[in-house]
Amino acid sequence: MTRPKRIEVNCTTGVVSEIELTDAEIEQREADAVIAEMERAERESAAQAVADAKLSAQAKLAALGLTAAEITALTK
């Protein structure tokens, strides 16, 4: 398997270099990917919790006798 590479561009000279990542850089990249996935899952979970709470609140308002139009007016 080929090692991942990074591209470095010297803006002064315009020289473009492809450099293989070190073991430490590869480990950091993998750790960053794990953290990013955890943060994405947390954001999705939080968004789902908000959506669930909104549906629950709308159901409770409907149970109190509010019409769909009244519930929509309150939730906007």
Protein backbone atom coordinates (compact mmCIF):
# COMPACT_ATOMS: atom_id res chain seq x y z
CA MET A 1 0.00 0.00 0.00
CA THR A 2 1.28 3.45 -0.83
CA ARG A 3 1.61 5.98 1.93
CA PRO A 4 -0.65 9.03 1.86
CA LYS A 5 0.99 12.21 0.67
CA ARG A 6 0.60 15.89 1.32
CA ILE A 7 1.19 18.59 -1.25
CA GLU A 8 3.25 21.62 -0.38
CA VAL A 9 3.43 24.66 -2.61
CA ASN A 10 6.16 27.24 -2.19
CA CYS A 11 4.34 30.44 -3.09
CA THR A 12 7.58 32.32 -3.65
CA THR A 13 9.12 29.89 -6.13
CA GLY A 14 6.01 28.08 -7.35
CA VAL A 15 7.62 24.70 -6.62
CA VAL A 16 5.07 21.98 -5.85
CA SER A 17 6.27 19.07 -3.70
CA GLU A 18 4.52 15.79 -2.88
CA ILE A 19 5.72 14.55 0.50
CA GLU A 20 4.80 11.22 2.11
CA LEU A 21 3.15 11.55 5.51
CA THR A 22 5.09 10.41 8.54
CA ASP A 23 3.73 7.74 10.88
CA ALA A 24 2.82 10.47 13.39
CA GLU A 25 0.94 12.44 10.72
CA ILE A 26 -0.97 9.34 9.64
CA GLU A 27 -1.91 8.57 13.25
CA GLN A 28 -3.05 12.16 13.78
CA ARG A 29 -5.09 12.05 10.59
CA GLU A 30 -6.82 8.85 11.75
CA ALA A 31 -7.47 10.31 15.22
CA ASP A 32 -8.92 13.45 13.64
CA ALA A 33 -11.24 11.31 11.49
CA VAL A 34 -12.52 9.46 14.57
CA ILE A 35 -13.15 12.74 16.40
CA ALA A 36 -14.91 14.23 13.37
CA GLU A 37 -17.19 11.19 13.12
CA MET A 38 -18.05 11.41 16.83
CA GLU A 39 -18.85 15.11 16.51
CA ARG A 40 -21.04 14.45 13.45
CA ALA A 41 -22.95 11.74 15.34
CA GLU A 42 -23.43 14.07 18.32
CA ARG A 43 -24.79 16.84 16.04
CA GLU A 44 -27.20 14.41 14.39
CA SER A 45 -28.32 13.10 17.77
CA ALA A 46 -28.93 16.62 19.08
CA ALA A 47 -30.87 17.57 15.95
CA GLN A 48 -33.00 14.43 16.28
CA ALA A 49 -33.68 15.22 19.94
CA VAL A 50 -34.91 18.70 18.98
CA ALA A 51 -37.12 17.26 16.23
CA ASP A 52 -38.56 14.68 18.64
CA ALA A 53 -39.25 17.34 21.27
CA LYS A 54 -41.00 19.50 18.68
CA LEU A 55 -43.24 16.64 17.59
CA SER A 56 -44.03 15.82 21.22
CA ALA A 57 -44.94 19.42 21.95
CA GLN A 58 -47.17 19.59 18.88
CA ALA A 59 -48.94 16.39 19.93
CA LYS A 60 -49.53 17.77 23.42
CA LEU A 61 -50.92 21.00 21.98
CA ALA A 62 -53.24 19.00 19.73
CA ALA A 63 -54.37 16.96 22.76
CA LEU A 64 -55.32 20.25 24.45
CA GLY A 65 -57.63 20.98 21.51
CA LEU A 66 -55.54 23.39 19.43
CA THR A 67 -56.05 23.21 15.68
CA ALA A 68 -53.24 22.51 13.23
CA ALA A 69 -53.28 26.17 12.19
CA GLU A 70 -52.97 27.32 15.81
CA ILE A 71 -50.10 24.91 16.47
CA THR A 72 -48.32 26.07 13.33
CA ALA A 73 -48.77 29.69 14.39
CA LEU A 74 -47.22 28.95 17.79
CA THR A 75 -44.28 26.96 16.48
CA LYS A 76 -43.00 29.41 13.88
